[in-house]
């Protein structure tokens, strides 16, 4: 049973991480500008957020999930503001010369923590898990962290595998990019990231009923 839950968790974690959205663009930007390790650490922050919401849904923590859903407008507002700010920073960033992965542990931890904070501020993930889990024949099993551990570990692993593949692949082409290429990538990524955050804020203000 534990191995089945782990594999199901891996499939779900990979599937949730794979679609390209504003958070993926941040990871791509960090990979191309700073190196694959910066992108992977950022992706692991997202994987941790996915695992957090998977645990809440799997364990049937209705009080916690109810609180998050009740205040999802506030959480999404914070996420929208964060994406707009991140997009502006990416757009205005000046690319350094392409170099090998380098950085102190603190910079990698900041990459991890910043993307975890943005991802966990968007409670859409908890809605996704509430929708997907019954489709896999998964119900809230019980009740203990031990029962949930294989599934949550699978979600983290599946999501992490995606980020390692994506950032690792992009990291291998960095040396072929010129400074002009990097400037264009930064401006395009920054525009899309900020635009996604602005779109989230607009929906919250003018059409909240359209949000899940």
C-alpha atoms as a PDB file:
ATOM      1  CA  UNK A   1       0.000   0.000   0.000  1.00  0.00           C
ATOM      2  CA  UNK A   2       2.797   2.400   0.901  1.00  0.00           C
ATOM      3  CA  UNK A   3       4.582   1.873  -2.422  1.00  0.00           C
ATOM      4  CA  UNK A   4       1.334   2.431  -4.344  1.00  0.00           C
ATOM      5  CA  UNK A   5       0.737   5.696  -2.535  1.00  0.00           C
ATOM      6  CA  UNK A   6       4.307   6.795  -3.197  1.00  0.00           C
ATOM      7  CA  UNK A   7       3.965   6.140  -6.941  1.00  0.00           C
ATOM      8  CA  UNK A   8       0.604   7.876  -7.072  1.00  0.00           C
ATOM      9  CA  UNK A   9       2.099  10.814  -5.216  1.00  0.00           C
ATOM     10  CA  UNK A  10       4.993  10.962  -7.693  1.00  0.00           C
ATOM     11  CA  UNK A  11       2.629  11.037 -10.658  1.00  0.00           C
ATOM     12  CA  UNK A  12       0.499  13.762  -9.105  1.00  0.00           C
ATOM     13  CA  UNK A  13       3.513  15.818  -7.988  1.00  0.00           C
ATOM     14  CA  UNK A  14       5.102  15.660 -11.442  1.00  0.00           C
ATOM     15  CA  UNK A  15       1.802  16.497 -13.160  1.00  0.00           C
ATOM     16  CA  UNK A  16       1.166  19.536 -10.978  1.00  0.00           C
ATOM     17  CA  UNK A  17       4.699  20.897 -11.410  1.00  0.00           C
ATOM     18  CA  UNK A  18       4.972  20.420 -15.186  1.00  0.00           C
ATOM     19  CA  UNK A  19       2.603  23.139 -16.513  1.00  0.00           C
ATOM     20  CA  UNK A  20       4.546  26.336 -17.189  1.00  0.00           C
ATOM     21  CA  UNK A  21       3.260  29.270 -15.160  1.00  0.00           C
ATOM     22  CA  UNK A  22       4.707  32.385 -13.523  1.00  0.00           C
ATOM     23  CA  UNK A  23       6.510  30.404 -10.829  1.00  0.00           C
ATOM     24  CA  UNK A  24       8.104  28.211 -13.493  1.00  0.00           C
ATOM     25  CA  UNK A  25       9.287  31.363 -15.260  1.00  0.00           C
ATOM     26  CA  UNK A  26      10.987  32.541 -12.070  1.00  0.00           C
ATOM     27  CA  UNK A  27      12.825  29.217 -11.838  1.00  0.00           C
ATOM     28  CA  UNK A  28      13.785  29.438 -15.513  1.00  0.00           C
ATOM     29  CA  UNK A  29      15.077  32.973 -15.039  1.00  0.00           C
ATOM     30  CA  UNK A  30      17.165  31.998 -12.041  1.00  0.00           C
ATOM     31  CA  UNK A  31      18.573  28.985 -13.876  1.00  0.00           C
ATOM     32  CA  UNK A  32      19.595  30.935 -16.950  1.00  0.00           C
ATOM     33  CA  UNK A  33      20.987  33.897 -15.043  1.00  0.00           C
ATOM     34  CA  UNK A  34      22.504  32.213 -12.008  1.00  0.00           C
ATOM     35  CA  UNK A  35      22.953  28.532 -12.828  1.00  0.00           C
ATOM     36  CA  UNK A  36      21.059  25.281 -12.535  1.00  0.00           C
ATOM     37  CA  UNK A  37      21.502  25.028  -8.759  1.00  0.00           C
ATOM     38  CA  UNK A  38      19.700  28.324  -8.223  1.00  0.00           C
ATOM     39  CA  UNK A  39      16.808  27.095 -10.355  1.00  0.00           C
ATOM     40  CA  UNK A  40      16.685  23.679  -8.701  1.00  0.00           C
ATOM     41  CA  UNK A  41      16.714  25.171  -5.182  1.00  0.00           C
ATOM     42  CA  UNK A  42      13.878  27.483  -6.214  1.00  0.00           C
ATOM     43  CA  UNK A  43      11.964  24.501  -7.616  1.00  0.00           C
ATOM     44  CA  UNK A  44      12.450  22.558  -4.398  1.00  0.00           C
ATOM     45  CA  UNK A  45      10.692  25.411  -2.591  1.00  0.00           C
ATOM     46  CA  UNK A  46       7.704  24.888  -4.877  1.00  0.00           C
ATOM     47  CA  UNK A  47       7.865  21.124  -4.316  1.00  0.00           C
ATOM     48  CA  UNK A  48       7.786  21.711  -0.562  1.00  0.00           C
ATOM     49  CA  UNK A  49       4.681  23.872  -0.938  1.00  0.00           C
ATOM     50  CA  UNK A  50       2.996  21.164  -3.031  1.00  0.00           C
ATOM     51  CA  UNK A  51       3.862  18.590  -0.351  1.00  0.00           C
ATOM     52  CA  UNK A  52       2.458  20.837   2.377  1.00  0.00           C
ATOM     53  CA  UNK A  53      -0.919  21.098   0.655  1.00  0.00           C
ATOM     54  CA  UNK A  54      -0.886  17.398  -0.228  1.00  0.00           C
ATOM     55  CA  UNK A  55      -0.446  16.560   3.455  1.00  0.00           C
ATOM     56  CA  UNK A  56      -3.317  18.821   4.497  1.00  0.00           C
ATOM     57  CA  UNK A  57      -5.726  17.255   2.010  1.00  0.00           C
ATOM     58  CA  UNK A  58      -4.560  13.663   2.508  1.00  0.00           C
ATOM     59  CA  UNK A  59      -4.805  13.859   6.275  1.00  0.00           C
ATOM     60  CA  UNK A  60      -8.257  15.357   6.036  1.00  0.00           C
ATOM     61  CA  UNK A  61      -7.243  18.398   8.069  1.00  0.00           C
ATOM     62  CA  UNK A  62     -10.537  20.146   7.485  1.00  0.00           C
ATOM     63  CA  UNK A  63      -9.899  22.896  10.015  1.00  0.00           C
ATOM     64  CA  UNK A  64      -6.666  23.918   8.294  1.00  0.00           C
ATOM     65  CA  UNK A  65      -8.000  23.561   4.750  1.00  0.00           C
ATOM     66  CA  UNK A  66     -11.160  25.401   5.726  1.00  0.00           C
ATOM     67  CA  UNK A  67      -9.128  28.297   7.119  1.00  0.00           C
ATOM     68  CA  UNK A  68      -6.990  28.487   3.969  1.00  0.00           C
ATOM     69  CA  UNK A  69     -10.015  28.422   1.672  1.00  0.00           C
ATOM     70  CA  UNK A  70     -11.885  30.951   3.800  1.00  0.00           C
ATOM     71  CA  UNK A  71      -9.029  33.423   3.442  1.00  0.00           C
ATOM     72  CA  UNK A  72      -7.946  32.441  -0.052  1.00  0.00           C
ATOM     73  CA  UNK A  73      -8.656  35.949  -1.357  1.00  0.00           C
ATOM     74  CA  UNK A  74      -6.095  37.401   1.033  1.00  0.00           C
ATOM     75  CA  UNK A  75      -3.576  34.681   0.212  1.00  0.00           C
ATOM     76  CA  UNK A  76      -4.022  35.216  -3.519  1.00  0.00           C
ATOM     77  CA  UNK A  77      -3.670  38.964  -3.095  1.00  0.00           C
ATOM     78  CA  UNK A  78      -0.321  38.411  -1.395  1.00  0.00           C
ATOM     79  CA  UNK A  79       0.749  35.989  -4.128  1.00  0.00           C
ATOM     80  CA  UNK A  80      -0.316  38.443  -6.839  1.00  0.00           C
ATOM     81  CA  UNK A  81       1.654  41.302  -5.289  1.00  0.00           C
ATOM     82  CA  UNK A  82       4.682  39.038  -4.882  1.00  0.00           C
ATOM     83  CA  UNK A  83       4.537  37.999  -8.565  1.00  0.00           C
ATOM     84  CA  UNK A  84       4.213  41.601  -9.750  1.00  0.00           C
ATOM     85  CA  UNK A  85       7.240  42.606  -7.668  1.00  0.00           C
ATOM     86  CA  UNK A  86       9.211  39.557  -8.846  1.00  0.00           C
ATOM     87  CA  UNK A  87       8.336  40.327 -12.456  1.00  0.00           C
ATOM     88  CA  UNK A  88       9.509  43.907 -12.153  1.00  0.00           C
ATOM     89  CA  UNK A  89      12.791  42.778 -10.601  1.00  0.00           C
ATOM     90  CA  UNK A  90      13.326  40.204 -13.346  1.00  0.00           C
ATOM     91  CA  UNK A  91      12.478  42.733 -16.073  1.00  0.00           C
ATOM     92  CA  UNK A  92      14.937  45.282 -14.689  1.00  0.00           C
ATOM     93  CA  UNK A  93      17.698  42.837 -13.841  1.00  0.00           C
ATOM     94  CA  UNK A  94      20.973  43.257 -15.679  1.00  0.00           C
ATOM     95  CA  UNK A  95      22.393  39.887 -16.745  1.00  0.00           C
ATOM     96  CA  UNK A  96      25.876  39.099 -15.579  1.00  0.00           C
ATOM     97  CA  UNK A  97      28.327  37.231 -17.728  1.00  0.00           C
ATOM     98  CA  UNK A  98      27.392  33.579 -17.986  1.00  0.00           C
ATOM     99  CA  UNK A  99      29.364  31.658 -15.411  1.00  0.00           C
ATOM    100  CA  UNK A 100      29.430  28.302 -13.744  1.00  0.00           C
ATOM    101  CA  UNK A 101      27.105  27.601 -10.845  1.00  0.00           C
ATOM    102  CA  UNK A 102      28.371  29.513  -7.895  1.00  0.00           C
ATOM    103  CA  UNK A 103      26.961  30.958  -4.749  1.00  0.00           C
ATOM    104  CA  UNK A 104      27.009  30.641  -1.018  1.00  0.00           C
ATOM    105  CA  UNK A 105      24.583  28.360   0.810  1.00  0.00           C
ATOM    106  CA  UNK A 106      22.616  31.376   1.999  1.00  0.00           C
ATOM    107  CA  UNK A 107      21.821  32.437  -1.573  1.00  0.00           C
ATOM    108  CA  UNK A 108      20.511  28.972  -2.397  1.00  0.00           C
ATOM    109  CA  UNK A 109      18.419  28.970   0.766  1.00  0.00           C
ATOM    110  CA  UNK A 110      16.963  32.371  -0.191  1.00  0.00           C
ATOM    111  CA  UNK A 111      16.045  30.947  -3.592  1.00  0.00           C
ATOM    112  CA  UNK A 112      14.304  28.027  -1.882  1.00  0.00           C
ATOM    113  CA  UNK A 113      12.520  30.111   0.732  1.00  0.00           C
ATOM    114  CA  UNK A 114      11.324  32.850  -1.626  1.00  0.00           C
ATOM    115  CA  UNK A 115       9.659  30.433  -4.052  1.00  0.00           C
ATOM    116  CA  UNK A 116       8.181  28.402  -1.190  1.00  0.00           C
ATOM    117  CA  UNK A 117       6.614  31.591   0.199  1.00  0.00           C
ATOM    118  CA  UNK A 118       5.124  32.605  -3.165  1.00  0.00           C
ATOM    119  CA  UNK A 119       3.828  29.098  -3.922  1.00  0.00           C
ATOM    120  CA  UNK A 120       2.307  28.500  -0.494  1.00  0.00           C
ATOM    121  CA  UNK A 121       0.568  31.893  -0.650  1.00  0.00           C
ATOM    122  CA  UNK A 122      -1.510  30.654  -3.593  1.00  0.00           C
ATOM    123  CA  UNK A 123      -4.067  28.199  -2.179  1.00  0.00           C
ATOM    124  CA  UNK A 124      -5.098  27.041  -5.658  1.00  0.00           C
ATOM    125  CA  UNK A 125      -2.922  23.971  -5.030  1.00  0.00           C
ATOM    126  CA  UNK A 126      -5.167  22.795  -2.216  1.00  0.00           C
ATOM    127  CA  UNK A 127      -8.161  22.954  -4.561  1.00  0.00           C
ATOM    128  CA  UNK A 128      -6.236  20.927  -7.136  1.00  0.00           C
ATOM    129  CA  UNK A 129      -5.435  18.227  -4.582  1.00  0.00           C
ATOM    130  CA  UNK A 130      -9.038  18.124  -3.390  1.00  0.00           C
ATOM    131  CA  UNK A 131     -10.074  17.517  -6.998  1.00  0.00           C
ATOM    132  CA  UNK A 132      -7.345  15.091  -8.070  1.00  0.00           C
ATOM    133  CA  UNK A 133      -7.116  12.755  -5.086  1.00  0.00           C
ATOM    134  CA  UNK A 134     -10.621  11.254  -5.416  1.00  0.00           C
ATOM    135  CA  UNK A 135      -9.900  10.664  -9.114  1.00  0.00           C
ATOM    136  CA  UNK A 136      -6.965   8.475  -8.097  1.00  0.00           C
ATOM    137  CA  UNK A 137      -9.171   6.554  -5.691  1.00  0.00           C
ATOM    138  CA  UNK A 138      -7.447   8.190  -2.728  1.00  0.00           C
ATOM    139  CA  UNK A 139      -9.420   9.185   0.323  1.00  0.00           C
ATOM    140  CA  UNK A 140      -8.231  10.690   3.545  1.00  0.00           C
ATOM    141  CA  UNK A 141      -6.679   7.561   5.007  1.00  0.00           C
ATOM    142  CA  UNK A 142      -6.366   8.163   8.351  1.00  0.00           C
ATOM    143  CA  UNK A 143      -5.112  10.405  10.178  1.00  0.00           C
ATOM    144  CA  UNK A 144      -1.519   9.959  11.055  1.00  0.00           C
ATOM    145  CA  UNK A 145       1.617  11.395   9.592  1.00  0.00           C
ATOM    146  CA  UNK A 146       2.936   7.860   9.186  1.00  0.00           C
ATOM    147  CA  UNK A 147      -0.029   6.960   6.967  1.00  0.00           C
ATOM    148  CA  UNK A 148       0.442  10.105   4.888  1.00  0.00           C
ATOM    149  CA  UNK A 149       4.237   9.926   4.616  1.00  0.00           C
ATOM    150  CA  UNK A 150       4.509   7.728   1.459  1.00  0.00           C
ATOM    151  CA  UNK A 151       2.052   9.877  -0.495  1.00  0.00           C
ATOM    152  CA  UNK A 152       3.512  13.217   0.594  1.00  0.00           C
ATOM    153  CA  UNK A 153       7.045  11.954  -0.089  1.00  0.00           C
ATOM    154  CA  UNK A 154       5.896  10.872  -3.540  1.00  0.00           C
ATOM    155  CA  UNK A 155       4.443  14.312  -4.293  1.00  0.00           C
ATOM    156  CA  UNK A 156       7.691  15.972  -3.226  1.00  0.00           C
ATOM    157  CA  UNK A 157       9.768  13.521  -5.257  1.00  0.00           C
ATOM    158  CA  UNK A 158       7.656  13.857  -8.400  1.00  0.00           C
ATOM    159  CA  UNK A 159       7.661  17.642  -8.245  1.00  0.00           C
ATOM    160  CA  UNK A 160      11.405  17.712  -7.517  1.00  0.00           C
ATOM    161  CA  UNK A 161      12.145  15.416 -10.457  1.00  0.00           C
ATOM    162  CA  UNK A 162      10.409  17.872 -12.772  1.00  0.00           C
ATOM    163  CA  UNK A 163      12.414  20.835 -11.478  1.00  0.00           C
ATOM    164  CA  UNK A 164      15.678  18.917 -11.703  1.00  0.00           C
ATOM    165  CA  UNK A 165      14.926  17.916 -15.305  1.00  0.00           C
ATOM    166  CA  UNK A 166      13.817  21.418 -16.312  1.00  0.00           C
ATOM    167  CA  UNK A 167      16.558  23.398 -14.590  1.00  0.00           C
ATOM    168  CA  UNK A 168      19.232  20.836 -15.358  1.00  0.00           C
ATOM    169  CA  UNK A 169      18.386  20.950 -19.070  1.00  0.00           C
ATOM    170  CA  UNK A 170      18.306  24.741 -19.181  1.00  0.00           C
ATOM    171  CA  UNK A 171      21.555  24.943 -17.257  1.00  0.00           C
ATOM    172  CA  UNK A 172      23.318  23.038 -20.012  1.00  0.00           C
ATOM    173  CA  UNK A 173      22.492  25.675 -22.653  1.00  0.00           C
ATOM    174  CA  UNK A 174      23.453  28.754 -20.644  1.00  0.00           C
ATOM    175  CA  UNK A 175      26.930  28.935 -22.147  1.00  0.00           C
ATOM    176  CA  UNK A 176      25.397  29.365 -25.615  1.00  0.00           C
ATOM    177  CA  UNK A 177      23.449  32.476 -24.661  1.00  0.00           C
ATOM    178  CA  UNK A 178      24.812  35.933 -25.354  1.00  0.00           C
ATOM    179  CA  UNK A 179      24.229  38.946 -23.141  1.00  0.00           C
ATOM    180  CA  UNK A 180      21.648  40.211 -25.627  1.00  0.00           C
ATOM    181  CA  UNK A 181      19.818  36.887 -25.380  1.00  0.00           C
ATOM    182  CA  UNK A 182      19.769  37.153 -21.603  1.00  0.00           C
ATOM    183  CA  UNK A 183      18.435  40.716 -21.714  1.00  0.00           C
ATOM    184  CA  UNK A 184      15.589  39.603 -23.988  1.00  0.00           C
ATOM    185  CA  UNK A 185      14.818  36.583 -21.798  1.00  0.00           C
ATOM    186  CA  UNK A 186      14.760  38.747 -18.663  1.00  0.00           C
ATOM    187  CA  UNK A 187      12.390  41.283 -20.201  1.00  0.00           C
ATOM    188  CA  UNK A 188      10.066  38.645 -21.645  1.00  0.00           C
ATOM    189  CA  UNK A 189      10.020  36.597 -18.425  1.00  0.00           C
ATOM    190  CA  UNK A 190       9.551  39.686 -16.254  1.00  0.00           C
ATOM    191  CA  UNK A 191       6.625  40.861 -18.363  1.00  0.00           C
ATOM    192  CA  UNK A 192       4.904  37.468 -18.194  1.00  0.00           C
ATOM    193  CA  UNK A 193       5.509  37.055 -14.449  1.00  0.00           C
ATOM    194  CA  UNK A 194       4.282  40.557 -13.588  1.00  0.00           C
ATOM    195  CA  UNK A 195       1.369  40.171 -16.007  1.00  0.00           C
ATOM    196  CA  UNK A 196       0.299  36.929 -14.318  1.00  0.00           C
ATOM    197  CA  UNK A 197       0.386  38.590 -10.911  1.00  0.00           C
ATOM    198  CA  UNK A 198      -1.532  41.605 -12.206  1.00  0.00           C
ATOM    199  CA  UNK A 199      -4.108  39.311 -13.806  1.00  0.00           C
ATOM    200  CA  UNK A 200      -4.596  37.542 -10.488  1.00  0.00           C
ATOM    201  CA  UNK A 201      -5.163  40.880  -8.741  1.00  0.00           C
ATOM    202  CA  UNK A 202      -7.606  42.075 -11.398  1.00  0.00           C
ATOM    203  CA  UNK A 203      -9.677  38.900 -11.082  1.00  0.00           C
ATOM    204  CA  UNK A 204      -9.763  39.309  -7.320  1.00  0.00           C
ATOM    205  CA  UNK A 205     -11.087  42.864  -7.708  1.00  0.00           C
ATOM    206  CA  UNK A 206     -13.515  42.641 -10.612  1.00  0.00           C
ATOM    207  CA  UNK A 207     -14.504  39.000 -11.010  1.00  0.00           C
ATOM    208  CA  UNK A 208     -13.886  37.006  -7.817  1.00  0.00           C
ATOM    209  CA  UNK A 209     -16.686  34.620  -8.774  1.00  0.00           C
ATOM    210  CA  UNK A 210     -14.556  33.333 -11.651  1.00  0.00           C
ATOM    211  CA  UNK A 211     -11.899  32.072  -9.252  1.00  0.00           C
ATOM    212  CA  UNK A 212     -12.154  28.516  -7.892  1.00  0.00           C
END
